[in-house]
């Protein structure tokens, strides 16, 4: 018997299939508490057209859900605010990376020990620092905005390339203008869609994700160079110079290699794809992951929760979900970050095209190719 969602579908468009599941890949997402509308096993919608992005005219979902949760659970405001533990985790991971870089100063960069350490420990540590900077970007390490910016620059040091100042403004725009073409630089470009919309293209994209996230914003949307960009740049260059002149080039190679692995075919890097790519015929913009890898990733897997309440620090995101299970436990989520990468590559129903886009709104000062005024990105 056809499900409720299938009754409105004309299956003649899909080669005479008798259900939304016939001839398709297995469902990749799960639903913690299945409902009549979504049992968590069958596909809730037809496959997406792979020749273009999924263009919608609806508002992004997070503002509406945030207002509903605040109405149903006004005590949610008690979860908001900075987390003092963050700075100590940052200091510990930075110390770990600098210690390993020093210990490997006389080890050849292509030796098994060097490569394995850079992938398994360095990749995990630097990915943790990527997400520390993400957390700090929301001013969740200190009450002071300047203290948060300074800590982000410090967390940036083992990554080897200055980016924390630029990331802040791009990421705040990602939250404010989620899915808006030309403003949200997390979205793949038309060029990426044309060139990478096949299995080999997806392998290339997943392997070099870090380069896409680093380079795409500069092509899509320029950013004014501020004193914090300058401070970030000079601090990083001085650090790299001192490291090379005192310990040789190998420690810097280790740190850069760690950053590359962190954003490549690494278990934690699955969150880049898991967060906003569309799966299983859903028209769902954001997906959470509640598995054990969140321990290394500042609970960034709680991504619906994070987008709903960016002012709730990482240590309290599980409490947010527990506070409002009627809102979160019926939303499809991912069971595994590593399998997200595998399924992204091998599944023809997901690819570069599987992102929701919207036409940018005319806001008088925030347009395609123009950065948000600095006052919006403190």
Protein backbone atom coordinates (compact mmCIF):
# COMPACT_ATOMS: atom_id res chain seq x y z
CA UNK A 1 0.00 0.00 0.00
CA UNK A 2 1.32 3.44 -0.90
CA UNK A 3 2.42 5.68 1.94
CA UNK A 4 0.94 9.10 2.58
CA UNK A 5 3.84 10.85 0.81
CA UNK A 6 3.54 8.56 -2.24
CA UNK A 7 -0.15 9.23 -2.91
CA UNK A 8 0.64 12.66 -4.37
CA UNK A 9 3.38 11.34 -6.69
CA UNK A 10 2.79 10.50 -10.35
CA UNK A 11 5.12 7.50 -10.71
CA UNK A 12 4.82 7.52 -14.50
CA UNK A 13 7.55 10.15 -14.38
CA UNK A 14 9.91 7.56 -12.86
CA UNK A 15 9.75 4.82 -15.48
CA UNK A 16 6.59 3.23 -14.12
CA UNK A 17 7.94 2.62 -10.62
CA UNK A 18 5.29 1.60 -8.11
CA UNK A 19 6.89 3.28 -5.09
CA UNK A 20 9.47 5.92 -4.18
CA UNK A 21 11.91 3.14 -3.22
CA UNK A 22 11.83 1.04 -6.40
CA UNK A 23 15.17 0.94 -8.24
CA UNK A 24 16.84 3.39 -5.86
CA UNK A 25 19.81 3.34 -3.53
CA UNK A 26 19.13 2.38 0.10
CA UNK A 27 18.03 5.19 2.36
CA UNK A 28 21.06 6.88 3.93
CA UNK A 29 19.48 8.94 6.73
CA UNK A 30 17.62 7.76 9.81
CA UNK A 31 14.87 9.18 12.00
CA UNK A 32 15.37 8.82 15.80
CA UNK A 33 11.58 8.80 16.34
CA UNK A 34 9.80 7.71 13.12
CA UNK A 35 6.45 9.27 12.27
CA UNK A 36 3.56 8.44 9.98
CA UNK A 37 4.96 10.90 7.44
CA UNK A 38 8.52 9.49 7.62
CA UNK A 39 9.20 5.98 8.89
CA UNK A 40 12.96 6.45 8.58
CA UNK A 41 13.25 3.47 6.21
CA UNK A 42 11.53 4.35 2.94
CA UNK A 43 12.33 7.34 0.73
CA UNK A 44 10.04 10.28 1.55
CA UNK A 45 10.46 11.89 -1.88
CA UNK A 46 11.58 11.26 -5.49
CA UNK A 47 15.24 11.65 -6.49
CA UNK A 48 16.54 15.11 -7.30
CA UNK A 49 17.37 16.25 -10.83
CA UNK A 50 21.19 15.94 -10.96
CA UNK A 51 21.58 18.65 -13.61
CA UNK A 52 20.93 21.55 -11.24
CA UNK A 53 20.76 22.57 -7.61
CA UNK A 54 17.47 22.38 -5.71
CA UNK A 55 16.09 25.91 -5.97
CA UNK A 56 13.49 26.84 -3.34
CA UNK A 57 11.48 29.95 -2.58
CA UNK A 58 10.76 29.00 1.03
CA UNK A 59 12.46 30.61 4.01
CA UNK A 60 15.32 28.74 5.62
CA UNK A 61 13.93 26.54 8.42
CA UNK A 62 15.96 27.58 11.43
CA UNK A 63 14.39 30.91 12.31
CA UNK A 64 10.88 29.41 12.33
CA UNK A 65 11.92 26.44 14.48
CA UNK A 66 13.88 28.70 16.83
CA UNK A 67 10.81 30.85 17.46
CA UNK A 68 8.65 27.76 18.01
CA UNK A 69 11.11 26.25 20.50
CA UNK A 70 11.44 29.52 22.40
CA UNK A 71 7.66 29.69 22.66
CA UNK A 72 7.34 26.06 23.80
CA UNK A 73 10.44 26.08 26.01
CA UNK A 74 11.30 29.62 27.17
CA UNK A 75 13.89 28.13 29.51
CA UNK A 76 16.07 27.49 26.43
CA UNK A 77 17.64 30.91 27.01
CA UNK A 78 19.42 29.46 30.05
CA UNK A 79 21.52 27.33 27.68
CA UNK A 80 22.89 30.35 25.86
CA UNK A 81 26.25 31.91 26.60
CA UNK A 82 29.98 31.23 26.43
CA UNK A 83 31.77 28.07 27.55
CA UNK A 84 34.95 28.63 29.64
CA UNK A 85 36.18 25.09 28.88
CA UNK A 86 36.76 25.97 25.22
CA UNK A 87 39.96 27.93 25.78
CA UNK A 88 41.54 25.08 27.75
CA UNK A 89 40.71 22.55 25.03
CA UNK A 90 42.28 24.91 22.47
CA UNK A 91 45.43 25.33 24.55
CA UNK A 92 45.72 21.56 24.95
CA UNK A 93 45.29 20.75 21.24
CA UNK A 94 47.65 23.53 20.15
CA UNK A 95 50.24 22.21 22.62
CA UNK A 96 49.77 18.67 21.31
CA UNK A 97 50.34 19.73 17.72
CA UNK A 98 53.36 21.85 18.47
CA UNK A 99 54.85 19.04 20.55
CA UNK A 100 54.36 16.49 17.78
CA UNK A 101 55.72 18.90 15.18
CA UNK A 102 58.87 19.30 17.28
CA UNK A 103 59.26 15.56 17.85
CA UNK A 104 59.01 14.92 14.09
CA UNK A 105 61.55 17.61 13.16
CA UNK A 106 64.15 14.98 12.14
CA UNK A 107 61.70 12.51 10.57
CA UNK A 108 61.35 12.38 6.79
CA UNK A 109 57.93 13.76 5.69
CA UNK A 110 57.31 10.73 3.45
CA UNK A 111 58.14 8.14 6.10
CA UNK A 112 55.27 5.92 7.34
CA UNK A 113 55.59 7.32 10.87
CA UNK A 114 55.34 10.92 9.68
CA UNK A 115 52.39 10.27 7.35
CA UNK A 116 50.47 8.12 9.84
CA UNK A 117 50.95 10.65 12.63
CA UNK A 118 49.91 13.52 10.37
CA UNK A 119 46.74 11.68 9.31
CA UNK A 120 45.60 9.94 12.48
CA UNK A 121 46.66 12.44 15.15
CA UNK A 122 47.45 15.62 13.25
CA UNK A 123 44.37 15.43 11.03
CA UNK A 124 42.12 14.86 14.02
CA UNK A 125 43.79 17.62 16.06
CA UNK A 126 43.71 20.23 13.30
CA UNK A 127 40.11 19.37 12.45
CA UNK A 128 39.37 19.94 16.11
CA UNK A 129 41.02 23.36 15.76
CA UNK A 130 38.95 24.12 12.64
CA UNK A 131 35.88 23.54 14.77
CA UNK A 132 37.32 25.43 17.72
CA UNK A 133 37.61 28.45 15.43
CA UNK A 134 34.03 27.79 14.30
CA UNK A 135 32.90 27.82 17.95
CA UNK A 136 34.94 30.92 18.75
CA UNK A 137 33.52 32.68 15.67
CA UNK A 138 30.17 32.71 17.50
CA UNK A 139 31.84 34.43 20.49
CA UNK A 140 31.31 31.38 22.66
CA UNK A 141 34.73 31.12 24.34
CA UNK A 142 34.73 34.50 26.14
CA UNK A 143 32.27 37.29 26.79
CA UNK A 144 34.64 39.74 25.09
CA UNK A 145 34.52 39.90 21.28
CA UNK A 146 38.20 40.85 21.11
CA UNK A 147 39.22 37.98 23.37
CA UNK A 148 37.36 35.56 21.11
CA UNK A 149 39.09 36.96 18.02
CA UNK A 150 42.50 36.70 19.68
CA UNK A 151 41.87 33.09 20.73
CA UNK A 152 40.83 32.24 17.16
CA UNK A 153 44.15 33.61 15.88
CA UNK A 154 45.95 31.49 18.48
CA UNK A 155 43.98 28.36 17.50
CA UNK A 156 44.91 29.09 13.88
CA UNK A 157 48.67 28.71 14.53
CA UNK A 158 49.03 24.89 14.07
CA UNK A 159 46.88 25.06 10.93
CA UNK A 160 49.77 26.87 9.22
CA UNK A 161 47.72 29.18 6.98
CA UNK A 162 45.91 32.29 8.29
CA UNK A 163 42.16 32.09 7.87
CA UNK A 164 40.37 32.69 11.18
CA UNK A 165 39.62 36.39 10.57
CA UNK A 166 38.19 35.80 7.09
CA UNK A 167 36.26 32.73 8.23
CA UNK A 168 34.37 34.73 10.84
CA UNK A 169 32.61 37.00 8.39
CA UNK A 170 31.94 34.28 5.82
CA UNK A 171 30.52 31.99 8.48
CA UNK A 172 28.24 34.59 10.03
CA UNK A 173 26.85 35.20 6.54
CA UNK A 174 26.35 31.45 6.14
CA UNK A 175 24.05 31.56 9.17
CA UNK A 176 22.24 34.79 8.29
CA UNK A 177 21.76 34.03 4.59
CA UNK A 178 21.69 30.23 4.53
CA UNK A 179 21.33 28.90 0.99
CA UNK A 180 21.35 32.30 -0.73
CA UNK A 181 23.32 32.05 -3.94
CA UNK A 182 26.29 34.41 -4.11
CA UNK A 183 26.18 35.20 -0.39
CA UNK A 184 26.42 31.85 1.40
CA UNK A 185 29.91 30.77 0.30
CA UNK A 186 29.38 27.28 1.73
CA UNK A 187 27.38 26.54 -1.44
CA UNK A 188 29.09 24.91 -4.45
CA UNK A 189 29.32 27.10 -7.53
CA UNK A 190 27.93 26.45 -11.01
CA UNK A 191 31.50 25.74 -12.12
CA UNK A 192 31.80 22.96 -9.53
CA UNK A 193 28.44 21.54 -10.64
CA UNK A 194 29.55 21.37 -14.27
CA UNK A 195 33.03 19.96 -13.64
CA UNK A 196 32.55 17.64 -10.65
CA UNK A 197 29.10 16.14 -11.19
CA UNK A 198 30.28 12.53 -11.60
CA UNK A 199 32.01 9.85 -9.55
CA UNK A 200 35.57 11.00 -10.34
CA UNK A 201 34.56 14.59 -9.70
CA UNK A 202 33.11 13.64 -6.33
CA UNK A 203 36.28 11.74 -5.42
CA UNK A 204 38.31 14.84 -6.30
CA UNK A 205 35.96 17.08 -4.33
CA UNK A 206 35.99 14.84 -1.23
CA UNK A 207 39.80 14.51 -1.38
CA UNK A 208 40.46 18.24 -1.73
CA UNK A 209 37.53 19.58 0.27
CA UNK A 210 39.78 21.83 2.30
CA UNK A 211 40.92 23.67 -0.84
CA UNK A 212 37.35 24.25 -2.00
CA UNK A 213 36.38 25.71 1.36
CA UNK A 214 39.53 27.84 1.45
CA UNK A 215 39.46 29.18 -2.12
CA UNK A 216 35.76 29.33 -3.07
CA UNK A 217 34.84 32.30 -0.83
CA UNK A 218 37.46 34.52 -2.44
CA UNK A 219 36.06 33.82 -5.91
CA UNK A 220 32.41 34.14 -4.92
CA UNK A 221 32.45 37.05 -2.53
CA UNK A 222 35.29 39.43 -1.76
CA UNK A 223 35.92 40.64 1.76
CA UNK A 224 37.32 43.90 3.12
CA UNK A 225 40.76 43.56 4.72
CA UNK A 226 40.50 44.69 8.36
CA UNK A 227 42.98 45.08 11.20
CA UNK A 228 42.03 41.59 12.41
CA UNK A 229 42.84 40.12 8.99
CA UNK A 230 46.21 41.90 9.23
CA UNK A 231 46.82 40.66 12.78
CA UNK A 232 45.89 37.10 11.78
CA UNK A 233 48.19 37.24 8.73
CA UNK A 234 51.22 38.74 10.50
CA UNK A 235 50.89 36.48 13.55
CA UNK A 236 50.75 33.38 11.36
CA UNK A 237 53.66 34.44 9.15
CA UNK A 238 55.84 35.24 12.16
CA UNK A 239 54.94 31.92 13.79
CA UNK A 240 55.72 29.94 10.61
CA UNK A 241 59.01 31.82 10.15
CA UNK A 242 60.14 31.24 13.73
CA UNK A 243 59.15 27.56 13.52
CA UNK A 244 61.16 26.99 10.33
CA UNK A 245 64.22 28.95 11.43
CA UNK A 246 64.43 27.27 14.83
CA UNK A 247 63.27 23.70 14.08
CA UNK A 248 63.63 23.31 10.32
CA UNK A 249 60.98 22.87 7.64
CA UNK A 250 59.65 19.47 8.77
CA UNK A 251 57.52 20.77 11.66
CA UNK A 252 55.74 23.19 9.32
CA UNK A 253 55.29 20.42 6.74
CA UNK A 254 53.73 18.29 9.48
CA UNK A 255 51.27 21.04 10.43
CA UNK A 256 50.31 21.76 6.81
CA UNK A 257 49.95 18.07 6.07
CA UNK A 258 47.74 17.71 9.16
CA UNK A 259 45.51 20.51 7.86
CA UNK A 260 45.23 18.87 4.45
CA UNK A 261 44.34 15.48 5.90
CA UNK A 262 41.85 17.12 8.26
CA UNK A 263 39.88 18.40 5.28
CA UNK A 264 40.31 15.39 3.02
CA UNK A 265 39.25 11.72 3.24
CA UNK A 266 39.22 11.83 7.04
CA UNK A 267 36.38 10.52 9.25
CA UNK A 268 35.77 13.95 10.78
CA UNK A 269 35.66 15.62 7.36
CA UNK A 270 32.39 13.83 6.70
CA UNK A 271 30.62 16.61 8.56
CA UNK A 272 31.35 19.06 5.71
CA UNK A 273 29.13 16.99 3.43
CA UNK A 274 26.71 15.73 6.07
CA UNK A 275 25.57 19.14 7.28
CA UNK A 276 23.76 20.65 4.28
CA UNK A 277 23.71 18.25 1.31
CA UNK A 278 20.25 16.93 0.42
CA UNK A 279 19.67 13.18 0.81
CA UNK A 280 16.98 10.57 0.18
CA UNK A 281 14.63 12.80 -1.78
CA UNK A 282 14.17 15.07 1.24
CA UNK A 283 13.92 18.82 0.82
CA UNK A 284 15.75 19.20 4.11
CA UNK A 285 18.47 21.82 4.36
CA UNK A 286 20.37 20.79 7.50
CA UNK A 287 21.19 17.39 8.98
CA UNK A 288 22.51 16.43 12.39
CA UNK A 289 24.75 13.55 13.45
CA UNK A 290 24.62 12.27 17.04
CA UNK A 291 27.44 9.71 17.01
CA UNK A 292 30.69 9.39 18.99
CA UNK A 293 32.87 11.49 16.66
CA UNK A 294 31.24 14.57 18.15
CA UNK A 295 33.68 14.12 21.04
CA UNK A 296 36.49 15.32 18.75
CA UNK A 297 34.39 17.94 16.96
CA UNK A 298 32.84 20.33 19.50
CA UNK A 299 29.48 18.61 18.96
CA UNK A 300 29.21 20.17 15.50
CA UNK A 301 27.18 17.10 14.57
CA UNK A 302 24.28 18.71 16.44
CA UNK A 303 23.93 20.90 13.40
CA UNK A 304 20.21 21.56 13.33
CA UNK A 305 20.49 22.52 16.98
CA UNK A 306 23.47 24.76 16.24
CA UNK A 307 21.76 26.59 13.37
CA UNK A 308 18.61 27.02 15.42
CA UNK A 309 20.55 28.48 18.36
CA UNK A 310 24.07 29.64 17.37
CA UNK A 311 24.43 31.25 20.82
CA UNK A 312 24.32 27.85 22.59
CA UNK A 313 27.86 26.58 23.20
CA UNK A 314 29.02 23.12 22.16
CA UNK A 315 28.82 21.58 25.65
CA UNK A 316 25.10 22.43 25.89
CA UNK A 317 23.90 21.33 22.45
CA UNK A 318 22.96 17.82 23.70
CA UNK A 319 20.94 19.50 26.45
CA UNK A 320 19.18 21.60 23.81
CA UNK A 321 18.17 18.48 21.92
CA UNK A 322 17.00 16.83 25.15
CA UNK A 323 14.98 19.92 26.04
CA UNK A 324 13.01 19.87 22.78
CA UNK A 325 12.87 16.24 21.55
CA UNK A 326 9.51 16.83 19.86
CA UNK A 327 11.32 19.22 17.48
CA UNK A 328 14.56 17.31 16.88
CA UNK A 329 13.93 13.58 17.18
CA UNK A 330 11.61 13.50 14.15
CA UNK A 331 14.16 15.16 11.84
CA UNK A 332 16.21 12.79 9.62
CA UNK A 333 19.86 12.66 10.67
CA UNK A 334 23.05 10.87 9.61
CA UNK A 335 24.20 7.74 11.48
CA UNK A 336 27.86 7.98 10.34
CA UNK A 337 30.21 10.69 9.09
CA UNK A 338 32.66 8.30 7.36
CA UNK A 339 29.79 6.63 5.49
CA UNK A 340 28.55 10.05 4.39
CA UNK A 341 31.78 10.43 2.39
CA UNK A 342 31.50 6.90 0.97
CA UNK A 343 27.83 7.31 0.03
CA UNK A 344 28.39 10.79 -1.39
CA UNK A 345 30.94 9.32 -3.82
CA UNK A 346 29.12 6.15 -4.82
CA UNK A 347 25.45 7.17 -4.70
CA UNK A 348 24.10 8.71 -7.95
CA UNK A 349 21.27 10.36 -6.00
CA UNK A 350 23.62 12.72 -4.18
CA UNK A 351 26.42 14.91 -5.51
CA UNK A 352 27.51 18.49 -6.01
CA UNK A 353 23.96 19.24 -7.19
CA UNK A 354 22.40 18.16 -3.87
CA UNK A 355 22.27 21.58 -2.22
CA UNK A 356 19.33 23.88 -1.61
CA UNK A 357 19.74 27.33 -3.13
CA UNK A 358 17.69 30.52 -3.06
CA UNK A 359 17.89 33.69 -5.06
CA UNK A 360 19.48 36.43 -2.95
CA UNK A 361 17.11 39.03 -1.52
CA UNK A 362 17.61 42.75 -2.11
CA UNK A 363 18.61 44.06 1.31
CA UNK A 364 20.18 47.35 0.29
CA UNK A 365 23.86 46.74 1.02
CA UNK A 366 24.09 42.96 1.09
CA UNK A 367 24.27 41.77 -2.50
CA UNK A 368 26.03 39.21 -4.62
CA UNK A 369 29.76 39.84 -4.37
CA UNK A 370 29.51 42.43 -1.59
CA UNK A 371 30.50 41.65 1.97
CA UNK A 372 28.28 42.21 4.97
CA UNK A 373 29.02 45.49 6.76
CA UNK A 374 31.55 44.96 9.59
CA UNK A 375 28.93 45.80 12.23
CA UNK A 376 27.12 42.56 11.36
CA UNK A 377 30.17 40.41 11.97
CA UNK A 378 31.48 41.36 15.39
